[in-house]
């Protein structure tokens, strides 16, 4: 029997294939430190850059426009529009002048609309979520019905509501037996609020239902043994346990509702009624109806600063509340 002499490859020489074929290529090895630490962020970098371009560029352009005297005479060459400094901001906060007074009115209308829409959306959502914790026939069907408004396309849903609110042939007046104007006058505010709540409360229901799944059933069983009724269980167990979910949910609903543009625009079109003149619609009208893009951009910047301030204060208080509860 003969023995085979196997020579190890020299330093720097690639090992040859056992069959005498082409030499094997060494696989590129990524160090574990990079793979575990920076590689995930590197893979996310293209999407992050795209998101920044999509959101940051229009924001910067809007801020620049807020400092320009940008009217219909300069819209073709807005980069060469004369600088207005802080004049657009001064007019927006001068509540004795027409521009500032109209903006202040829209602000209070938006605040009232937001409080009602967020409040009723949360109330309907938590009520439906608690109901879905019970075992009864048809629970799955009812859950699907509750989520239907959230699943429908917003455009089609709001347009359908606009037809339902028509004075002569609308379903709402047919059911109520009246001939009220819902899309003009004071009733327009209530029509807008109804549609906003109808659109938003399924999201609250979905979030709160997920939060209820994390509450141990043993807590309710122990409370029932101690003689606690359903309202005491909700007040002592359900609501405190849902506090982390509610903190996020209320902030999201507030930002969505305060910035809502699609609902009033699809319901009323250009030039919403005075009773339903939200800030988002007011900024649109100031920019695209009066052709004063500088003033509209200044109002947008003020709205952004207001929402950032409210969000910062809200997060500050909620974080302090969590630290106090943990202590």
Protein backbone atom coordinates (compact mmCIF):
# COMPACT_ATOMS: atom_id res chain seq x y z
CA UNK A 1 0.00 0.00 0.00
CA UNK A 2 1.37 3.38 -0.89
CA UNK A 3 0.97 6.52 1.16
CA UNK A 4 -0.20 9.87 -0.21
CA UNK A 5 1.85 12.95 0.50
CA UNK A 6 -0.46 15.92 1.06
CA UNK A 7 1.35 19.23 1.04
CA UNK A 8 -0.08 22.18 2.84
CA UNK A 9 -0.37 25.30 0.68
CA UNK A 10 2.31 27.87 1.14
CA UNK A 11 1.60 31.09 2.94
CA UNK A 12 -0.45 33.43 0.74
CA UNK A 13 -1.26 30.62 -1.71
CA UNK A 14 -4.91 29.76 -2.26
CA UNK A 15 -5.73 26.09 -1.64
CA UNK A 16 -6.38 24.14 -4.81
CA UNK A 17 -9.48 22.11 -5.52
CA UNK A 18 -9.20 18.39 -4.62
CA UNK A 19 -10.18 17.44 -8.17
CA UNK A 20 -7.59 19.69 -9.70
CA UNK A 21 -10.19 22.29 -10.70
CA UNK A 22 -10.02 26.04 -10.16
CA UNK A 23 -8.98 27.20 -6.68
CA UNK A 24 -11.73 27.86 -4.16
CA UNK A 25 -12.55 31.47 -3.39
CA UNK A 26 -12.48 32.56 0.18
CA UNK A 27 -15.81 33.80 1.50
CA UNK A 28 -15.92 37.36 2.78
CA UNK A 29 -16.35 37.19 6.52
CA UNK A 30 -17.92 40.16 8.27
CA UNK A 31 -16.61 40.58 11.80
CA UNK A 32 -19.15 39.70 14.47
CA UNK A 33 -18.82 43.12 16.04
CA UNK A 34 -19.92 44.84 12.82
CA UNK A 35 -22.59 42.27 12.00
CA UNK A 36 -24.19 42.53 15.42
CA UNK A 37 -23.71 46.24 15.90
CA UNK A 38 -23.69 48.37 12.79
CA UNK A 39 -24.88 46.15 9.97
CA UNK A 40 -28.63 46.43 10.75
CA UNK A 41 -28.38 50.21 10.76
CA UNK A 42 -26.36 50.13 7.54
CA UNK A 43 -29.12 48.14 5.85
CA UNK A 44 -31.72 50.64 7.07
CA UNK A 45 -29.71 53.61 5.81
CA UNK A 46 -31.20 53.79 2.26
CA UNK A 47 -34.76 53.79 3.57
CA UNK A 48 -33.84 56.35 6.22
CA UNK A 49 -32.28 58.67 3.64
CA UNK A 50 -35.37 58.36 1.43
CA UNK A 51 -37.68 59.18 4.34
CA UNK A 52 -35.59 62.22 5.25
CA UNK A 53 -35.71 63.47 1.66
CA UNK A 54 -39.47 62.98 1.42
CA UNK A 55 -40.26 64.68 4.73
CA UNK A 56 -37.37 67.03 5.39
CA UNK A 57 -37.10 68.74 2.00
CA UNK A 58 -40.75 69.93 1.87
CA UNK A 59 -40.48 71.06 5.48
CA UNK A 60 -37.38 73.15 4.78
CA UNK A 61 -38.99 74.63 1.65
CA UNK A 62 -42.10 75.52 3.65
CA UNK A 63 -40.04 77.23 6.35
CA UNK A 64 -38.16 79.27 3.72
CA UNK A 65 -41.45 80.27 2.07
CA UNK A 66 -42.74 81.54 5.42
CA UNK A 67 -40.13 84.31 5.33
CA UNK A 68 -40.96 85.43 1.78
CA UNK A 69 -43.60 87.69 0.30
CA UNK A 70 -44.83 84.86 -1.87
CA UNK A 71 -48.03 85.77 -3.68
CA UNK A 72 -49.46 84.85 -7.09
CA UNK A 73 -47.07 87.33 -8.71
CA UNK A 74 -43.99 85.34 -7.68
CA UNK A 75 -45.26 81.77 -7.73
CA UNK A 76 -43.46 80.94 -10.99
CA UNK A 77 -40.13 82.07 -9.62
CA UNK A 78 -40.69 81.72 -5.90
CA UNK A 79 -36.96 81.56 -5.19
CA UNK A 80 -36.62 85.22 -6.22
CA UNK A 81 -39.63 86.41 -4.23
CA UNK A 82 -38.75 89.33 -1.92
CA UNK A 83 -37.98 88.54 1.69
CA UNK A 84 -40.68 89.52 4.17
CA UNK A 85 -38.77 88.74 7.35
CA UNK A 86 -41.15 88.10 10.24
CA UNK A 87 -44.02 90.05 8.69
CA UNK A 88 -46.03 86.93 7.83
CA UNK A 89 -45.70 85.70 11.41
CA UNK A 90 -46.64 89.09 12.81
CA UNK A 91 -49.82 89.20 10.75
CA UNK A 92 -50.71 85.64 11.79
CA UNK A 93 -50.51 86.44 15.52
CA UNK A 94 -52.03 89.93 15.28
CA UNK A 95 -55.47 88.91 16.54
CA UNK A 96 -56.88 92.40 16.08
CA UNK A 97 -56.26 92.21 12.32
CA UNK A 98 -58.40 90.09 9.97
CA UNK A 99 -55.73 87.46 9.23
CA UNK A 100 -54.88 86.86 12.88
CA UNK A 101 -58.51 86.97 14.02
CA UNK A 102 -59.54 84.35 11.45
CA UNK A 103 -56.62 82.12 12.42
CA UNK A 104 -57.50 82.40 16.11
CA UNK A 105 -61.11 81.46 15.35
CA UNK A 106 -59.93 78.41 13.40
CA UNK A 107 -57.64 77.47 16.27
CA UNK A 108 -60.49 77.41 18.81
CA UNK A 109 -62.72 75.49 16.41
CA UNK A 110 -59.94 72.94 15.95
CA UNK A 111 -59.40 72.63 19.71
CA UNK A 112 -63.11 71.99 20.31
CA UNK A 113 -63.25 69.51 17.45
CA UNK A 114 -60.15 67.68 18.70
CA UNK A 115 -61.39 67.37 22.29
CA UNK A 116 -64.76 65.96 21.19
CA UNK A 117 -63.37 63.64 18.51
CA UNK A 118 -60.59 62.23 20.69
CA UNK A 119 -62.84 61.93 23.74
CA UNK A 120 -65.65 60.07 21.99
CA UNK A 121 -63.23 57.92 19.99
CA UNK A 122 -61.57 56.78 23.20
CA UNK A 123 -64.90 56.24 24.97
CA UNK A 124 -66.33 54.12 22.15
CA UNK A 125 -63.03 52.27 21.79
CA UNK A 126 -62.68 51.30 25.44
CA UNK A 127 -66.36 50.33 25.69
CA UNK A 128 -66.12 48.06 22.65
CA UNK A 129 -62.80 46.59 23.82
CA UNK A 130 -64.27 45.68 27.22
CA UNK A 131 -67.32 44.18 25.50
CA UNK A 132 -65.09 42.00 23.32
CA UNK A 133 -63.56 40.42 26.43
CA UNK A 134 -66.82 38.55 27.03
CA UNK A 135 -67.50 35.22 25.36
CA UNK A 136 -70.70 35.26 23.31
CA UNK A 137 -71.88 34.02 19.96
CA UNK A 138 -71.04 36.26 17.03
CA UNK A 139 -68.14 37.97 18.78
CA UNK A 140 -65.87 37.57 15.75
CA UNK A 141 -68.47 39.02 13.41
CA UNK A 142 -69.06 41.97 15.72
CA UNK A 143 -65.32 42.61 15.96
CA UNK A 144 -65.09 42.69 12.17
CA UNK A 145 -68.02 45.14 12.02
CA UNK A 146 -66.29 47.40 14.55
CA UNK A 147 -63.10 47.48 12.48
CA UNK A 148 -64.85 48.14 9.16
CA UNK A 149 -64.59 51.98 9.28
CA UNK A 150 -60.84 51.70 9.86
CA UNK A 151 -60.42 49.29 6.94
CA UNK A 152 -62.42 51.31 4.40
CA UNK A 153 -60.63 53.80 2.12
CA UNK A 154 -60.93 57.21 3.75
CA UNK A 155 -61.84 58.98 0.51
CA UNK A 156 -64.75 56.70 -0.32
CA UNK A 157 -66.00 56.67 3.27
CA UNK A 158 -66.07 60.46 3.69
CA UNK A 159 -67.68 60.99 0.28
CA UNK A 160 -70.38 58.51 1.31
CA UNK A 161 -70.98 60.51 4.48
CA UNK A 162 -71.22 63.70 2.40
CA UNK A 163 -74.04 62.14 0.38
CA UNK A 164 -75.73 60.96 3.57
CA UNK A 165 -75.68 64.52 4.95
CA UNK A 166 -77.39 66.01 1.89
CA UNK A 167 -80.44 68.06 2.84
CA UNK A 168 -82.99 66.77 0.33
CA UNK A 169 -81.97 63.21 -0.47
CA UNK A 170 -79.61 62.39 2.38
CA UNK A 171 -80.09 59.38 4.61
CA UNK A 172 -79.56 61.36 7.83
CA UNK A 173 -82.51 63.68 7.27
CA UNK A 174 -84.61 60.77 6.05
CA UNK A 175 -83.99 58.87 9.29
CA UNK A 176 -84.38 61.91 11.55
CA UNK A 177 -87.40 63.16 9.65
CA UNK A 178 -86.04 66.69 9.25
CA UNK A 179 -84.67 68.97 6.57
CA UNK A 180 -81.60 70.35 8.33
CA UNK A 181 -78.55 71.66 6.51
CA UNK A 182 -75.66 69.52 7.73
CA UNK A 183 -72.88 70.72 5.45
CA UNK A 184 -73.38 74.46 5.99
CA UNK A 185 -74.06 76.56 9.05
CA UNK A 186 -73.59 75.49 12.66
CA UNK A 187 -74.52 71.86 11.99
CA UNK A 188 -71.40 71.46 9.86
CA UNK A 189 -69.30 71.26 13.03
CA UNK A 190 -71.34 68.32 14.32
CA UNK A 191 -71.29 66.61 10.93
CA UNK A 192 -67.51 66.91 10.85
CA UNK A 193 -67.20 65.57 14.41
CA UNK A 194 -69.46 62.58 13.70
CA UNK A 195 -67.45 61.56 10.64
CA UNK A 196 -64.12 62.01 12.46
CA UNK A 197 -65.26 59.86 15.39
CA UNK A 198 -66.62 57.22 13.03
CA UNK A 199 -63.25 57.06 11.25
CA UNK A 200 -61.04 57.12 14.34
CA UNK A 201 -62.68 55.08 17.09
CA UNK A 202 -61.89 51.65 15.51
CA UNK A 203 -58.18 52.43 15.88
CA UNK A 204 -58.72 53.20 19.55
CA UNK A 205 -60.70 49.98 19.88
CA UNK A 206 -57.89 47.98 18.27
CA UNK A 207 -55.19 49.47 20.52
CA UNK A 208 -57.21 49.09 23.71
CA UNK A 209 -58.29 45.56 22.87
CA UNK A 210 -54.62 44.62 22.46
CA UNK A 211 -53.86 46.26 25.80
CA UNK A 212 -56.60 44.30 27.54
CA UNK A 213 -55.04 41.03 26.38
CA UNK A 214 -52.05 41.74 28.65
CA UNK A 215 -54.11 42.07 31.83
CA UNK A 216 -54.01 38.77 33.81
CA UNK A 217 -57.46 37.26 34.24
CA UNK A 218 -56.50 36.25 37.77
CA UNK A 219 -56.86 39.89 38.82
CA UNK A 220 -60.52 39.93 37.79
CA UNK A 221 -61.15 36.55 39.39
CA UNK A 222 -59.64 37.71 42.68
CA UNK A 223 -61.63 40.95 42.54
CA UNK A 224 -64.86 39.02 41.91
CA UNK A 225 -64.15 36.78 44.91
CA UNK A 226 -63.65 39.89 47.04
CA UNK A 227 -67.08 41.12 45.93
CA UNK A 228 -66.00 43.83 43.46
CA UNK A 229 -68.61 44.68 40.83
CA UNK A 230 -68.01 45.29 37.14
CA UNK A 231 -67.60 49.06 37.57
CA UNK A 232 -65.15 48.62 40.43
CA UNK A 233 -63.13 46.17 38.35
CA UNK A 234 -63.01 48.63 35.47
CA UNK A 235 -62.01 51.51 37.73
CA UNK A 236 -59.50 49.59 39.87
CA UNK A 237 -58.02 47.11 37.39
CA UNK A 238 -58.83 47.87 33.75
CA UNK A 239 -58.17 51.60 33.53
CA UNK A 240 -54.94 51.61 35.60
CA UNK A 241 -53.61 48.66 33.59
CA UNK A 242 -54.40 50.47 30.33
CA UNK A 243 -52.52 53.63 31.36
CA UNK A 244 -49.41 52.93 29.20
CA UNK A 245 -51.59 52.23 26.16
CA UNK A 246 -53.74 55.30 26.80
CA UNK A 247 -50.71 57.56 27.03
CA UNK A 248 -49.60 56.63 23.53
CA UNK A 249 -53.13 56.39 22.13
CA UNK A 250 -54.25 59.83 23.28
CA UNK A 251 -51.15 61.48 21.81
CA UNK A 252 -51.57 59.73 18.45
CA UNK A 253 -55.28 60.56 18.29
CA UNK A 254 -54.59 64.18 19.20
CA UNK A 255 -52.00 64.62 16.44
CA UNK A 256 -54.16 62.86 13.86
CA UNK A 257 -57.26 64.84 14.70
CA UNK A 258 -55.66 68.26 15.09
CA UNK A 259 -53.96 67.86 11.70
CA UNK A 260 -56.98 66.32 9.97
CA UNK A 261 -57.31 67.73 6.46
CA UNK A 262 -58.96 64.99 4.42
CA UNK A 263 -62.20 64.84 6.39
CA UNK A 264 -63.20 68.53 6.20
CA UNK A 265 -61.88 68.93 2.66
CA UNK A 266 -63.87 65.96 1.33
CA UNK A 267 -66.99 66.97 3.25
CA UNK A 268 -67.05 70.67 2.41
CA UNK A 269 -64.57 71.20 -0.42
CA UNK A 270 -62.77 74.53 -0.73
CA UNK A 271 -63.89 77.11 1.77
CA UNK A 272 -65.25 75.18 4.74
CA UNK A 273 -68.13 76.73 6.75
CA UNK A 274 -67.08 79.05 9.53
CA UNK A 275 -68.29 76.58 12.17
CA UNK A 276 -66.05 73.83 10.74
CA UNK A 277 -63.06 75.93 9.66
CA UNK A 278 -60.21 73.84 11.04
CA UNK A 279 -56.65 75.16 11.04
CA UNK A 280 -55.61 72.71 8.32
CA UNK A 281 -58.37 73.92 5.99
CA UNK A 282 -57.72 77.54 6.93
CA UNK A 283 -54.05 77.20 5.95
CA UNK A 284 -55.06 75.59 2.66
CA UNK A 285 -57.51 78.40 1.89
CA UNK A 286 -54.91 81.04 2.78
CA UNK A 287 -52.43 79.45 0.39
CA UNK A 288 -54.47 78.23 -2.57
CA UNK A 289 -57.55 80.47 -2.58
CA UNK A 290 -56.09 83.85 -1.61
CA UNK A 291 -52.75 82.89 -3.23
CA UNK A 292 -50.76 84.11 -0.24
CA UNK A 293 -48.34 81.23 0.12
CA UNK A 294 -46.05 83.15 2.44
CA UNK A 295 -48.84 83.69 4.95
CA UNK A 296 -50.00 80.08 4.66
CA UNK A 297 -46.46 78.80 5.21
CA UNK A 298 -46.07 81.00 8.28
CA UNK A 299 -49.30 79.55 9.71
CA UNK A 300 -47.97 76.05 9.01
CA UNK A 301 -44.77 76.80 10.90
CA UNK A 302 -46.75 78.15 13.85
CA UNK A 303 -48.91 75.02 13.82
CA UNK A 304 -45.79 72.85 13.80
CA UNK A 305 -44.31 74.73 16.77
CA UNK A 306 -47.58 74.44 18.69
CA UNK A 307 -47.82 70.69 18.14
CA UNK A 308 -44.17 70.20 19.09
CA UNK A 309 -44.74 72.17 22.29
CA UNK A 310 -47.87 70.22 23.23
CA UNK A 311 -46.14 66.91 22.48
CA UNK A 312 -43.08 67.83 24.55
CA UNK A 313 -45.18 68.93 27.54
CA UNK A 314 -47.36 65.83 27.28
CA UNK A 315 -44.37 63.48 27.15
CA UNK A 316 -42.75 65.32 30.06
CA UNK A 317 -45.79 64.92 32.30
CA UNK A 318 -46.41 61.29 31.32
CA UNK A 319 -42.77 60.37 31.93
CA UNK A 320 -42.89 62.01 35.36
CA UNK A 321 -46.09 60.10 36.11
CA UNK A 322 -44.44 56.80 35.16
CA UNK A 323 -41.39 57.54 37.31
CA UNK A 324 -43.65 58.42 40.24
CA UNK A 325 -45.63 55.20 39.82
CA UNK A 326 -42.45 53.10 39.64
CA UNK A 327 -41.09 54.77 42.76
